[in-house]
Amino acid sequence: MFGSKQKRRDSLRAAPLPLTWLKVIERNVPFYRYLPEADQCELHRHIQVFLAERHFEGCGGLQITDEIKVTISAQACLLLLHRDTDYYPTLKSILVYPSAYIARQSTSVGTGMILESTTIRLGESWQRGAVILSWDDVLQGAADIHDGHNVVLHEFAHQLDQEGGEAKGSPILERRSMYVAWARILGAEYVQLQKDVQDGHKSTLDDYGATNPAEFFAVATECFFEKALQLKKKHPELYEELKLYYRQDPAQFRNR
């Protein structure tokens, strides 16, 4: 079974990317232009597999188009470059709303009581099954490659974190020995961000990263790709850890 899956994926990767898809990427994902040519070609191959294996579903009246699928897939697959990947193995569907959507939320308030509320969301990642995205915010996040905000990178970083179980800000690393440095550096950076937020100090990292370690990893991922030069200068150890994990050096090609 594994052999047949690998053969199918090899066949998909060998096929040329449709020109209409390439035009969508060039128009909607400006980060693509900064990638070295070899990385662009690898990204094309990953997109072919991802689109063949993952289901997209429109919500709130949105009709799914190739533009929607390709724009999201290109950004999701950016996180997979240079790495052995099973293409987000616990993910089955990507649900896309036209814009920010309302989600129900249950919070325990002690003594067995549950508080029901609603929140407005741009995206979310479920441990098993789905990523939910706002199409307006997908486009907005992709269009500005300098602001450190990209909902696709954020939610798919959660998917990577969730491959080993509950998201805790510690995705599966290549070697067991790497977890020591990861915990030390990301733990210290997380605590520092919490302190910066509490003291009202501006950080390269978005304040939302101070919510919990899982959100810190997702926010750091956004920053790594979109504010690479600032992150490398102000948080060099964090940058190096993410560089080792993602096997990419966006500060290098963003500085060309």
Foldseek 3Di string as FASTA:
>chain_A
DVVVLVVVLVVQLPDDQDPVLVVLCVVQFVLLVLDDPVQNSVLSSQLSSLVVQAAEEEPPPDDDDSSQSSLLSSLLCLLVPPHDDPNLVQEHYEYEYQAWDKDWDWDDPDPPDIDIDIDTDQWAEDLGYYIYHHSVQQRVQSVQLALLDHRSLLRSLCSQQSPVHHRQLDGDAPDPVLVVLSCVQLVVVLVVLLVCVVVVHDDLFDNQLNVGNRNVNSSLRSCCRRVVVRCCVPRVSSNVSVCNRSVDRNVVSVVD
